Amino acid sequence: PLSLAINKGDTFGIAGESGSGKTTLARMIMGIIESTSGS
């Protein structure tokens, strides 16, 4: 469970090692996969 906000015009970086969840998080924002919970 995490919460964050991305503002209009941001260059918002998501950093971390392989397997940290970066791409999974981006795919949820794109709507490619659905989140288990949260909004």
PDB file of all heavy atoms in Angstrom:
ATOM      1  N   PRO A   1       0.817  -1.227   0.000  1.00  0.00           N
ATOM      2  CA  PRO A   1       0.000   0.000   0.000  1.00  0.00           C
ATOM      3  C   PRO A   1       0.846   1.272   0.000  1.00  0.00           C
ATOM      4  O   PRO A   1       1.694   1.468   0.871  1.00  0.00           O
ATOM      5  CB  PRO A   1      -0.813  -0.136   1.290  1.00  0.00           C
ATOM      6  CG  PRO A   1      -0.927  -1.601   1.501  1.00  0.00           C
ATOM      7  CD  PRO A   1       0.374  -2.182   1.028  1.00  0.00           C
ATOM      8  N   LEU A   2       0.596   2.109  -1.003  1.00  0.00           N
ATOM      9  CA  LEU A   2       1.346   3.365  -1.117  1.00  0.00           C
ATOM     10  C   LEU A   2       0.442   4.471  -1.624  1.00  0.00           C
ATOM     11  O   LEU A   2      -0.554   4.229  -2.289  1.00  0.00           O
ATOM     12  CB  LEU A   2       2.569   3.198  -2.028  1.00  0.00           C
ATOM     13  CG  LEU A   2       2.387   2.802  -3.492  1.00  0.00           C
ATOM     14  CD1 LEU A   2       1.981   3.972  -4.367  1.00  0.00           C
ATOM     15  CD2 LEU A   2       3.663   2.184  -4.030  1.00  0.00           C
ATOM     16  N   SER A   3       0.836   5.689  -1.321  1.00  0.00           N
ATOM     17  CA  SER A   3       0.108   6.877  -1.781  1.00  0.00           C
ATOM     18  C   SER A   3       1.120   7.898  -2.296  1.00  0.00           C
ATOM     19  O   SER A   3       2.170   8.111  -1.676  1.00  0.00           O
ATOM     20  CB  SER A   3      -0.706   7.498  -0.633  1.00  0.00           C
ATOM     21  OG  SER A   3      -1.659   6.586  -0.140  1.00  0.00           O
ATOM     22  N   LEU A   4       0.810   8.488  -3.436  1.00  0.00           N
ATOM     23  CA  LEU A   4       1.651   9.562  -3.969  1.00  0.00           C
ATOM     24  C   LEU A   4       0.852  10.376  -4.972  1.00  0.00           C
ATOM     25  O   LEU A   4      -0.208   9.948  -5.435  1.00  0.00           O
ATOM     26  CB  LEU A   4       2.943   9.028  -4.590  1.00  0.00           C
ATOM     27  CG  LEU A   4       2.877   8.002  -5.718  1.00  0.00           C
ATOM     28  CD1 LEU A   4       2.652   8.675  -7.067  1.00  0.00           C
ATOM     29  CD2 LEU A   4       4.181   7.216  -5.775  1.00  0.00           C
ATOM     30  N   ALA A   5       1.350  11.560  -5.296  1.00  0.00           N
ATOM     31  CA  ALA A   5       0.673  12.451  -6.236  1.00  0.00           C
ATOM     32  C   ALA A   5       1.663  12.933  -7.289  1.00  0.00           C
ATOM     33  O   ALA A   5       2.824  13.235  -6.982  1.00  0.00           O
ATOM     34  CB  ALA A   5       0.069  13.642  -5.503  1.00  0.00           C
ATOM     35  N   ILE A   6       1.201  12.972  -8.543  1.00  0.00           N
ATOM     36  CA  ILE A   6       2.003  13.475  -9.658  1.00  0.00           C
ATOM     37  C   ILE A   6       1.301  14.700 -10.212  1.00  0.00           C
ATOM     38  O   ILE A   6       0.130  14.637 -10.597  1.00  0.00           O
ATOM     39  CB  ILE A   6       2.151  12.401 -10.757  1.00  0.00           C
ATOM     40  CG1 ILE A   6       2.828  11.151 -10.188  1.00  0.00           C
ATOM     41  CG2 ILE A   6       2.948  12.951 -11.944  1.00  0.00           C
ATOM     42  CD1 ILE A   6       2.836   9.970 -11.140  1.00  0.00           C
ATOM     43  N   ASN A   7       1.992  15.824 -10.220  1.00  0.00           N
ATOM     44  CA  ASN A   7       1.390  17.080 -10.655  1.00  0.00           C
ATOM     45  C   ASN A   7       1.503  17.264 -12.165  1.00  0.00           C
ATOM     46  O   ASN A   7       2.377  16.683 -12.816  1.00  0.00           O
ATOM     47  CB  ASN A   7       2.061  18.264  -9.959  1.00  0.00           C
ATOM     48  CG  ASN A   7       1.826  18.252  -8.461  1.00  0.00           C
ATOM     49  OD1 ASN A   7       0.879  17.636  -7.972  1.00  0.00           O
ATOM     50  ND2 ASN A   7       2.694  18.922  -7.724  1.00  0.00           N
ATOM     51  N   LYS A   8       0.627  18.060 -12.712  1.00  0.00           N
ATOM     52  CA  LYS A   8       0.645  18.348 -14.141  1.00  0.00           C
ATOM     53  C   LYS A   8       1.955  19.045 -14.496  1.00  0.00           C
ATOM     54  O   LYS A   8       2.370  20.004 -13.834  1.00  0.00           O
ATOM     55  CB  LYS A   8      -0.537  19.243 -14.508  1.00  0.00           C
ATOM     56  CG  LYS A   8      -0.699  19.447 -16.004  1.00  0.00           C
ATOM     57  CD  LYS A   8      -1.972  20.212 -16.334  1.00  0.00           C
ATOM     58  CE  LYS A   8      -2.142  20.343 -17.840  1.00  0.00           C
ATOM     59  NZ  LYS A   8      -3.379  21.069 -18.200  1.00  0.00           N
ATOM     60  N   GLY A   9       2.612  18.542 -15.545  1.00  0.00           N
ATOM     61  CA  GLY A   9       3.882  19.122 -15.974  1.00  0.00           C
ATOM     62  C   GLY A   9       5.093  18.555 -15.279  1.00  0.00           C
ATOM     63  O   GLY A   9       6.227  18.944 -15.579  1.00  0.00           O
ATOM     64  N   ASP A  10       4.879  17.623 -14.331  1.00  0.00           N
ATOM     65  CA  ASP A  10       6.003  17.001 -13.637  1.00  0.00           C
ATOM     66  C   ASP A  10       6.818  16.117 -14.574  1.00  0.00           C
ATOM     67  O   ASP A  10       6.300  15.544 -15.534  1.00  0.00           O
ATOM     68  CB  ASP A  10       5.505  16.099 -12.499  1.00  0.00           C
ATOM     69  CG  ASP A  10       5.363  16.836 -11.178  1.00  0.00           C
ATOM     70  OD1 ASP A  10       5.796  18.008 -11.103  1.00  0.00           O
ATOM     71  OD2 ASP A  10       4.818  16.250 -10.222  1.00  0.00           O
ATOM     72  N   THR A  11       8.097  15.998 -14.261  1.00  0.00           N
ATOM     73  CA  THR A  11       8.895  14.864 -14.717  1.00  0.00           C
ATOM     74  C   THR A  11       9.139  14.054 -13.459  1.00  0.00           C
ATOM     75  O   THR A  11      10.044  14.338 -12.684  1.00  0.00           O
ATOM     76  CB  THR A  11      10.216  15.308 -15.359  1.00  0.00           C
ATOM     77  OG1 THR A  11       9.932  16.158 -16.476  1.00  0.00           O
ATOM     78  CG2 THR A  11      11.012  14.103 -15.850  1.00  0.00           C
ATOM     79  N   PHE A  12       8.275  13.085 -13.244  1.00  0.00           N
ATOM     80  CA  PHE A  12       8.241  12.355 -11.973  1.00  0.00           C
ATOM     81  C   PHE A  12       9.026  11.059 -12.127  1.00  0.00           C
ATOM     82  O   PHE A  12       8.657  10.178 -12.895  1.00  0.00           O
ATOM     83  CB  PHE A  12       6.792  12.061 -11.574  1.00  0.00           C
ATOM     84  CG  PHE A  12       6.632  11.572 -10.157  1.00  0.00           C
ATOM     85  CD1 PHE A  12       6.387  12.453  -9.132  1.00  0.00           C
ATOM     86  CD2 PHE A  12       6.745  10.214  -9.860  1.00  0.00           C
ATOM     87  CE1 PHE A  12       6.241  12.008  -7.823  1.00  0.00           C
ATOM     88  CE2 PHE A  12       6.609   9.753  -8.562  1.00  0.00           C
ATOM     89  CZ  PHE A  12       6.354  10.657  -7.539  1.00  0.00           C
ATOM     90  N   GLY A  13      10.111  10.942 -11.393  1.00  0.00           N
ATOM     91  CA  GLY A  13      10.960   9.760 -11.476  1.00  0.00           C
ATOM     92  C   GLY A  13      10.559   8.688 -10.482  1.00  0.00           C
ATOM     93  O   GLY A  13      10.270   8.984  -9.323  1.00  0.00           O
ATOM     94  N   ILE A  14      10.522   7.447 -10.948  1.00  0.00           N
ATOM     95  CA  ILE A  14      10.315   6.297 -10.064  1.00  0.00           C
ATOM     96  C   ILE A  14      11.587   5.466 -10.134  1.00  0.00           C
ATOM     97  O   ILE A  14      11.900   4.868 -11.157  1.00  0.00           O
ATOM     98  CB  ILE A  14       9.097   5.450 -10.490  1.00  0.00           C
ATOM     99  CG1 ILE A  14       7.844   6.323 -10.558  1.00  0.00           C
ATOM    100  CG2 ILE A  14       8.881   4.293  -9.523  1.00  0.00           C
ATOM    101  CD1 ILE A  14       6.611   5.584 -11.061  1.00  0.00           C
ATOM    102  N   ALA A  15      12.344   5.463  -9.036  1.00  0.00           N
ATOM    103  CA  ALA A  15      13.662   4.834  -9.010  1.00  0.00           C
ATOM    104  C   ALA A  15      13.642   3.594  -8.134  1.00  0.00           C
ATOM    105  O   ALA A  15      12.845   3.484  -7.195  1.00  0.00           O
ATOM    106  CB  ALA A  15      14.710   5.821  -8.495  1.00  0.00           C
ATOM    107  N   GLY A  16      14.545   2.688  -8.427  1.00  0.00           N
ATOM    108  CA  GLY A  16      14.668   1.482  -7.621  1.00  0.00           C
ATOM    109  C   GLY A  16      15.325   0.381  -8.416  1.00  0.00           C
ATOM    110  O   GLY A  16      15.489   0.475  -9.642  1.00  0.00           O
ATOM    111  N   GLU A  17      15.705  -0.675  -7.733  1.00  0.00           N
ATOM    112  CA  GLU A  17      16.351  -1.806  -8.385  1.00  0.00           C
ATOM    113  C   GLU A  17      15.331  -2.649  -9.146  1.00  0.00           C
ATOM    114  O   GLU A  17      14.123  -2.479  -8.996  1.00  0.00           O
ATOM    115  CB  GLU A  17      17.073  -2.659  -7.341  1.00  0.00           C
ATOM    116  CG  GLU A  17      18.136  -1.898  -6.570  1.00  0.00           C
ATOM    117  CD  GLU A  17      18.653  -2.691  -5.386  1.00  0.00           C
ATOM    118  OE1 GLU A  17      17.899  -2.874  -4.415  1.00  0.00           O
ATOM    119  OE2 GLU A  17      19.804  -3.130  -5.444  1.00  0.00           O
ATOM    120  N   SER A  18      15.816  -3.579  -9.944  1.00  0.00           N
ATOM    121  CA  SER A  18      14.925  -4.516 -10.632  1.00  0.00           C
ATOM    122  C   SER A  18      14.123  -5.294  -9.598  1.00  0.00           C
ATOM    123  O   SER A  18      14.667  -5.751  -8.592  1.00  0.00           O
ATOM    124  CB  SER A  18      15.739  -5.493 -11.489  1.00  0.00           C
ATOM    125  OG  SER A  18      16.403  -4.810 -12.515  1.00  0.00           O
ATOM    126  N   GLY A  19      12.821  -5.415  -9.858  1.00  0.00           N
ATOM    127  CA  GLY A  19      11.961  -6.124  -8.917  1.00  0.00           C
ATOM    128  C   GLY A  19      11.407  -5.252  -7.818  1.00  0.00           C
ATOM    129  O   GLY A  19      10.705  -5.737  -6.924  1.00  0.00           O
ATOM    130  N   SER A  20      11.666  -3.942  -7.885  1.00  0.00           N
ATOM    131  CA  SER A  20      11.178  -3.054  -6.833  1.00  0.00           C
ATOM    132  C   SER A  20       9.720  -2.657  -7.033  1.00  0.00           C
ATOM    133  O   SER A  20       9.091  -2.117  -6.131  1.00  0.00           O
ATOM    134  CB  SER A  20      12.043  -1.787  -6.762  1.00  0.00           C
ATOM    135  OG  SER A  20      11.973  -1.067  -7.978  1.00  0.00           O
ATOM    136  N   GLY A  21       9.166  -2.907  -8.222  1.00  0.00           N
ATOM    137  CA  GLY A  21       7.764  -2.581  -8.483  1.00  0.00           C
ATOM    138  C   GLY A  21       7.547  -1.371  -9.359  1.00  0.00           C
ATOM    139  O   GLY A  21       6.404  -0.946  -9.561  1.00  0.00           O
ATOM    140  N   LYS A  22       8.609  -0.813  -9.934  1.00  0.00           N
ATOM    141  CA  LYS A  22       8.500   0.405 -10.737  1.00  0.00           C
ATOM    142  C   LYS A  22       7.553   0.219 -11.921  1.00  0.00           C
ATOM    143  O   LYS A  22       6.605   0.985 -12.111  1.00  0.00           O
ATOM    144  CB  LYS A  22       9.877   0.838 -11.253  1.00  0.00           C
ATOM    145  CG  LYS A  22      10.953   1.008 -10.227  1.00  0.00           C
ATOM    146  CD  LYS A  22      12.238   1.564 -10.810  1.00  0.00           C
ATOM    147  CE  LYS A  22      12.833   0.712 -11.912  1.00  0.00           C
ATOM    148  NZ  LYS A  22      13.341  -0.592 -11.456  1.00  0.00           N
ATOM    149  N   THR A  23       7.834  -0.811 -12.724  1.00  0.00           N
ATOM    150  CA  THR A  23       7.039  -1.032 -13.928  1.00  0.00           C
ATOM    151  C   THR A  23       5.618  -1.458 -13.589  1.00  0.00           C
ATOM    152  O   THR A  23       4.659  -1.050 -14.269  1.00  0.00           O
ATOM    153  CB  THR A  23       7.717  -2.085 -14.827  1.00  0.00           C
ATOM    154  OG1 THR A  23       9.037  -1.617 -15.172  1.00  0.00           O
ATOM    155  CG2 THR A  23       6.933  -2.310 -16.102  1.00  0.00           C
ATOM    156  N   THR A  24       5.439  -2.251 -12.542  1.00  0.00           N
ATOM    157  CA  THR A  24       4.090  -2.651 -12.113  1.00  0.00           C
ATOM    158  C   THR A  24       3.266  -1.430 -11.745  1.00  0.00           C
ATOM    159  O   THR A  24       2.088  -1.317 -12.118  1.00  0.00           O
ATOM    160  CB  THR A  24       4.169  -3.614 -10.907  1.00  0.00           C
ATOM    161  OG1 THR A  24       4.895  -4.789 -11.296  1.00  0.00           O
ATOM    162  CG2 THR A  24       2.784  -4.014 -10.431  1.00  0.00           C
ATOM    163  N   LEU A  25       3.873  -0.492 -11.037  1.00  0.00           N
ATOM    164  CA  LEU A  25       3.181   0.737 -10.651  1.00  0.00           C
ATOM    165  C   LEU A  25       2.779   1.532 -11.888  1.00  0.00           C
ATOM    166  O   LEU A  25       1.637   2.014 -11.995  1.00  0.00           O
ATOM    167  CB  LEU A  25       4.088   1.576  -9.745  1.00  0.00           C
ATOM    168  CG  LEU A  25       3.498   2.871  -9.187  1.00  0.00           C
ATOM    169  CD1 LEU A  25       2.281   2.579  -8.313  1.00  0.00           C
ATOM    170  CD2 LEU A  25       4.548   3.642  -8.387  1.00  0.00           C
ATOM    171  N   ALA A  26       3.697   1.656 -12.862  1.00  0.00           N
ATOM    172  CA  ALA A  26       3.399   2.405 -14.083  1.00  0.00           C
ATOM    173  C   ALA A  26       2.292   1.729 -14.887  1.00  0.00           C
ATOM    174  O   ALA A  26       1.419   2.399 -15.450  1.00  0.00           O
ATOM    175  CB  ALA A  26       4.662   2.541 -14.929  1.00  0.00           C
ATOM    176  N   ARG A  27       2.287   0.406 -14.941  1.00  0.00           N
ATOM    177  CA  ARG A  27       1.260  -0.329 -15.692  1.00  0.00           C
ATOM    178  C   ARG A  27      -0.118  -0.157 -15.051  1.00  0.00           C
ATOM    179  O   ARG A  27      -1.134  -0.141 -15.747  1.00  0.00           O
ATOM    180  CB  ARG A  27       1.641  -1.814 -15.771  1.00  0.00           C
ATOM    181  CG  ARG A  27       2.783  -2.070 -16.744  1.00  0.00           C
ATOM    182  CD  ARG A  27       3.387  -3.453 -16.540  1.00  0.00           C
ATOM    183  NE  ARG A  27       2.462  -4.512 -16.892  1.00  0.00           N
ATOM    184  CZ  ARG A  27       2.316  -5.027 -18.102  1.00  0.00           C
ATOM    185  NH1 ARG A  27       3.045  -4.550 -19.099  1.00  0.00           N
ATOM    186  NH2 ARG A  27       1.469  -6.000 -18.338  1.00  0.00           N
ATOM    187  N   MET A  28      -0.158  -0.009 -13.741  1.00  0.00           N
ATOM    188  CA  MET A  28      -1.439   0.257 -13.078  1.00  0.00           C
ATOM    189  C   MET A  28      -1.939   1.655 -13.418  1.00  0.00           C
ATOM    190  O   MET A  28      -3.129   1.857 -13.662  1.00  0.00           O
ATOM    191  CB  MET A  28      -1.303   0.084 -11.562  1.00  0.00           C
ATOM    192  CG  MET A  28      -1.215  -1.370 -11.108  1.00  0.00           C
ATOM    193  SD  MET A  28      -1.446  -1.570  -9.324  1.00  0.00           S
ATOM    194  CE  MET A  28      -0.003  -0.718  -8.696  1.00  0.00           C
ATOM    195  N   ILE A  29      -1.037   2.634 -13.435  1.00  0.00           N
ATOM    196  CA  ILE A  29      -1.424   4.003 -13.780  1.00  0.00           C
ATOM    197  C   ILE A  29      -1.945   4.058 -15.220  1.00  0.00           C
ATOM    198  O   ILE A  29      -2.900   4.780 -15.521  1.00  0.00           O
ATOM    199  CB  ILE A  29      -0.230   4.964 -13.590  1.00  0.00           C
ATOM    200  CG1 ILE A  29       0.145   5.062 -12.109  1.00  0.00           C
ATOM    201  CG2 ILE A  29      -0.554   6.349 -14.140  1.00  0.00           C
ATOM    202  CD1 ILE A  29       1.414   5.851 -11.839  1.00  0.00           C
ATOM    203  N   MET A  30      -1.348   3.255 -16.103  1.00  0.00           N
ATOM    204  CA  MET A  30      -1.784   3.214 -17.497  1.00  0.00           C
ATOM    205  C   MET A  30      -3.096   2.458 -17.675  1.00  0.00           C
ATOM    206  O   MET A  30      -3.729   2.551 -18.723  1.00  0.00           O
ATOM    207  CB  MET A  30      -0.710   2.571 -18.367  1.00  0.00           C
ATOM    208  CG  MET A  30       0.565   3.385 -18.502  1.00  0.00           C
ATOM    209  SD  MET A  30       1.716   2.652 -19.683  1.00  0.00           S
ATOM    210  CE  MET A  30       0.847   2.957 -21.225  1.00  0.00           C
ATOM    211  N   GLY A  31      -3.479   1.673 -16.671  1.00  0.00           N
ATOM    212  CA  GLY A  31      -4.701   0.887 -16.782  1.00  0.00           C
ATOM    213  C   GLY A  31      -4.495  -0.451 -17.460  1.00  0.00           C
ATOM    214  O   GLY A  31      -5.463  -1.139 -17.797  1.00  0.00           O
ATOM    215  N   ILE A  32      -3.245  -0.846 -17.652  1.00  0.00           N
ATOM    216  CA  ILE A  32      -2.949  -2.137 -18.277  1.00  0.00           C
ATOM    217  C   ILE A  32      -3.287  -3.274 -17.323  1.00  0.00           C
ATOM    218  O   ILE A  32      -3.794  -4.317 -17.723  1.00  0.00           O
ATOM    219  CB  ILE A  32      -1.467  -2.201 -18.711  1.00  0.00           C
ATOM    220  CG1 ILE A  32      -1.185  -1.147 -19.781  1.00  0.00           C
ATOM    221  CG2 ILE A  32      -1.103  -3.589 -19.225  1.00  0.00           C
ATOM    222  CD1 ILE A  32       0.275  -1.034 -20.168  1.00  0.00           C
ATOM    223  N   ILE A  33      -2.984  -3.074 -16.034  1.00  0.00           N
ATOM    224  CA  ILE A  33      -3.376  -4.029 -15.006  1.00  0.00           C
ATOM    225  C   ILE A  33      -4.124  -3.270 -13.913  1.00  0.00           C
ATOM    226  O   ILE A  33      -3.921  -2.063 -13.722  1.00  0.00           O
ATOM    227  CB  ILE A  33      -2.164  -4.772 -14.406  1.00  0.00           C
ATOM    228  CG1 ILE A  33      -1.145  -3.774 -13.812  1.00  0.00           C
ATOM    229  CG2 ILE A  33      -1.506  -5.666 -15.435  1.00  0.00           C
ATOM    230  CD1 ILE A  33       0.027  -4.450 -13.123  1.00  0.00           C
ATOM    231  N   GLU A  34      -4.994  -3.967 -13.209  1.00  0.00           N
ATOM    232  CA  GLU A  34      -5.785  -3.330 -12.164  1.00  0.00           C
ATOM    233  C   GLU A  34      -5.111  -3.499 -10.814  1.00  0.00           C
ATOM    234  O   GLU A  34      -4.450  -4.509 -10.548  1.00  0.00           O
ATOM    235  CB  GLU A  34      -7.192  -3.941 -12.116  1.00  0.00           C
ATOM    236  CG  GLU A  34      -8.045  -3.632 -13.329  1.00  0.00           C
ATOM    237  CD  GLU A  34      -9.472  -4.127 -13.161  1.00  0.00           C
ATOM    238  OE1 GLU A  34      -9.803  -4.634 -12.060  1.00  0.00           O
ATOM    239  OE2 GLU A  34     -10.243  -4.018 -14.117  1.00  0.00           O
ATOM    240  N   SER A  35      -5.309  -2.516  -9.965  1.00  0.00           N
ATOM    241  CA  SER A  35      -4.788  -2.614  -8.601  1.00  0.00           C
ATOM    242  C   SER A  35      -5.656  -3.579  -7.796  1.00  0.00           C
ATOM    243  O   SER A  35      -6.848  -3.746  -8.076  1.00  0.00           O
ATOM    244  CB  SER A  35      -4.768  -1.244  -7.934  1.00  0.00           C
ATOM    245  OG  SER A  35      -6.083  -0.705  -7.871  1.00  0.00           O
ATOM    246  N   THR A  36      -5.049  -4.222  -6.805  1.00  0.00           N
ATOM    247  CA  THR A  36      -5.795  -5.129  -5.934  1.00  0.00           C
ATOM    248  C   THR A  36      -6.692  -4.354  -4.987  1.00  0.00           C
ATOM    249  O   THR A  36      -7.821  -4.746  -4.692  1.00  0.00           O
ATOM    250  CB  THR A  36      -4.821  -6.015  -5.130  1.00  0.00           C
ATOM    251  OG1 THR A  36      -3.961  -6.703  -6.051  1.00  0.00           O
ATOM    252  CG2 THR A  36      -5.572  -7.031  -4.288  1.00  0.00           C
ATOM    253  N   SER A  37      -6.171  -3.228  -4.517  1.00  0.00           N
ATOM    254  CA  SER A  37      -6.951  -2.353  -3.638  1.00  0.00           C
ATOM    255  C   SER A  37      -6.439  -0.938  -3.768  1.00  0.00           C
ATOM    256  O   SER A  37      -5.409  -0.684  -4.398  1.00  0.00           O
ATOM    257  CB  SER A  37      -6.851  -2.834  -2.176  1.00  0.00           C
ATOM    258  OG  SER A  37      -5.508  -2.761  -1.715  1.00  0.00           O
ATOM    259  N   GLY A  38      -7.162   0.009  -3.163  1.00  0.00           N
ATOM    260  CA  GLY A  38      -6.794   1.409  -3.265  1.00  0.00           C
ATOM    261  C   GLY A  38      -7.409   2.056  -4.494  1.00  0.00           C
ATOM    262  O   GLY A  38      -8.122   1.408  -5.272  1.00  0.00           O
ATOM    263  N   SER A  39      -7.146   3.334  -4.672  1.00  0.00           N
ATOM    264  CA  SER A  39      -7.740   4.066  -5.794  1.00  0.00           C
ATOM    265  C   SER A  39      -6.689   4.855  -6.557  1.00  0.00           C
ATOM    266  O   SER A  39      -5.759   5.414  -5.969  1.00  0.00           O
ATOM    267  CB  SER A  39      -8.835   5.018  -5.297  1.00  0.00           C
ATOM    268  OG  SER A  39      -8.297   5.964  -4.392  1.00  0.00           O
TER     269      SER A  39
END
